[in-house]
Amino acid sequence: INQLNKEVAYLEKSIQIYISSDISSESEDSEEITNFLQYQIKENMNQNIINEVSNELNIKSSQVESVLKLLEDGNTIPFIARYRKEATGALDEEQIRVITNHYEYEYNIDNNLF
């Protein structure tokens, strides 16, 4: 987590420097580059949360990713547990609920830090 915080701080500082530079203010691409860097920070944080959840729950990160993707697509926990066993590695409803709650908790903590 300390390494993640250092990486995020470095990327945030890079964005601030880039935004404040005279070159970036005249460039049409500055907003696109800023958005890309912010997206990279978010993706890095999300992947670290997924890894943390999988390590703490002693399951594969691909299982966590599958559950989150299925939920993002609008599937319910009971539906995922019953009909998407192949995607989740046969996780049951309770395991999926724990993944969801744990991920949301970690995500909220990380977003409140920055």
Protein backbone atom coordinates (compact mmCIF):
# COMPACT_ATOMS: atom_id res chain seq x y z
CA ILE A 1 0.00 0.00 0.00
CA ASN A 2 2.89 2.36 0.73
CA GLN A 3 4.27 1.74 -2.76
CA LEU A 4 0.84 2.44 -4.26
CA ASN A 5 0.59 5.70 -2.33
CA LYS A 6 4.03 6.73 -3.60
CA GLU A 7 3.06 5.91 -7.20
CA VAL A 8 -0.22 7.79 -6.94
CA ALA A 9 1.48 10.81 -5.35
CA TYR A 10 4.09 10.81 -8.12
CA LEU A 11 1.45 10.63 -10.85
CA GLU A 12 -0.66 13.34 -9.20
CA LYS A 13 2.40 15.60 -8.93
CA SER A 14 3.20 14.92 -12.60
CA ILE A 15 -0.34 15.91 -13.57
CA GLN A 16 -0.13 19.11 -11.53
CA ILE A 17 3.20 20.05 -13.08
CA TYR A 18 1.93 19.28 -16.56
CA ILE A 19 -1.28 21.25 -16.07
CA SER A 20 0.55 24.27 -14.67
CA SER A 21 3.16 24.39 -17.44
CA ASP A 22 2.84 27.00 -20.18
CA ILE A 23 3.21 24.36 -22.85
CA SER A 24 0.24 22.35 -21.67
CA SER A 25 -2.07 25.34 -21.49
CA GLU A 26 -1.47 26.05 -25.19
CA SER A 27 -1.76 22.45 -26.29
CA GLU A 28 -5.01 21.00 -27.57
CA ASP A 29 -3.92 17.61 -26.27
CA SER A 30 -3.43 18.70 -22.65
CA GLU A 31 -6.94 17.76 -21.55
CA GLU A 32 -6.69 14.38 -23.25
CA ILE A 33 -3.33 13.66 -21.61
CA THR A 34 -4.61 14.77 -18.21
CA ASN A 35 -7.66 12.53 -18.55
CA PHE A 36 -5.44 9.62 -19.57
CA LEU A 37 -3.16 10.10 -16.56
CA GLN A 38 -6.12 10.33 -14.20
CA TYR A 39 -7.56 7.17 -15.76
CA GLN A 40 -4.23 5.38 -15.23
CA ILE A 41 -4.19 6.39 -11.56
CA LYS A 42 -7.73 5.10 -11.09
CA GLU A 43 -7.03 1.83 -12.91
CA ASN A 44 -3.85 1.27 -10.88
CA MET A 45 -5.75 1.87 -7.66
CA ASN A 46 -8.60 -0.45 -8.73
CA GLN A 47 -6.19 -3.25 -9.65
CA ASN A 48 -4.44 -2.90 -6.30
CA ILE A 49 -7.80 -3.11 -4.51
CA ILE A 50 -8.71 -6.23 -6.52
CA ASN A 51 -5.38 -7.82 -5.60
CA GLU A 52 -5.85 -6.91 -1.95
CA VAL A 53 -9.37 -8.35 -1.86
CA SER A 54 -8.26 -11.57 -3.55
CA ASN A 55 -5.32 -11.97 -1.16
CA GLU A 56 -7.42 -11.32 1.92
CA LEU A 57 -10.19 -13.68 0.83
CA ASN A 58 -7.73 -16.28 -0.51
CA ILE A 59 -9.24 -16.42 -4.00
CA LYS A 60 -7.90 -15.61 -7.46
CA SER A 61 -7.89 -11.99 -8.61
CA SER A 62 -9.60 -13.17 -11.81
CA GLN A 63 -12.56 -14.30 -9.68
CA VAL A 64 -12.83 -10.86 -8.08
CA GLU A 65 -12.56 -9.20 -11.49
CA SER A 66 -15.27 -11.48 -12.92
CA VAL A 67 -17.64 -10.75 -10.05
CA LEU A 68 -17.10 -7.00 -10.33
CA LYS A 69 -17.55 -7.06 -14.11
CA LEU A 70 -20.77 -9.08 -13.85
CA LEU A 71 -22.13 -6.69 -11.21
CA GLU A 72 -21.12 -3.70 -13.32
CA ASP A 73 -23.08 -5.23 -16.22
CA GLY A 74 -26.21 -5.19 -14.04
CA ASN A 75 -26.33 -8.81 -12.89
CA THR A 76 -27.59 -9.52 -9.39
CA ILE A 77 -25.69 -11.53 -6.80
CA PRO A 78 -28.18 -14.46 -6.87
CA PHE A 79 -28.06 -14.55 -10.69
CA ILE A 80 -24.25 -14.56 -10.71
CA ALA A 81 -24.09 -17.33 -8.10
CA ARG A 82 -26.59 -19.54 -9.93
CA TYR A 83 -25.90 -18.92 -13.61
CA ARG A 84 -22.34 -17.61 -13.90
CA LYS A 85 -20.43 -20.25 -11.98
CA GLU A 86 -18.06 -20.73 -14.91
CA ALA A 87 -17.08 -17.05 -14.80
CA THR A 88 -16.62 -16.86 -11.03
CA GLY A 89 -15.02 -20.22 -10.36
CA ALA A 90 -18.17 -21.50 -8.64
CA LEU A 91 -18.36 -18.81 -5.94
CA ASP A 92 -21.54 -18.91 -3.89
CA GLU A 93 -23.79 -15.98 -2.98
CA GLU A 94 -22.09 -15.33 0.34
CA GLN A 95 -18.62 -15.25 -1.22
CA ILE A 96 -19.84 -12.87 -3.92
CA ARG A 97 -21.44 -10.65 -1.27
CA VAL A 98 -18.19 -10.60 0.72
CA ILE A 99 -16.20 -9.69 -2.41
CA THR A 100 -18.64 -6.90 -3.22
CA ASN A 101 -18.67 -5.46 0.29
CA HIS A 102 -14.92 -5.76 0.73
CA TYR A 103 -14.20 -4.12 -2.63
CA GLU A 104 -16.63 -1.26 -1.95
CA TYR A 105 -15.08 -0.69 1.47
CA GLU A 106 -11.51 -0.58 0.11
CA TYR A 107 -12.57 1.57 -2.85
CA ASN A 108 -14.25 4.10 -0.54
CA ILE A 109 -11.23 4.25 1.74
CA ASP A 110 -8.87 4.88 -1.19
CA ASN A 111 -11.14 7.54 -2.69
CA ASN A 112 -11.39 9.36 0.64
CA LEU A 113 -7.60 9.45 0.94
CA PHE A 114 -7.22 11.45 -2.27
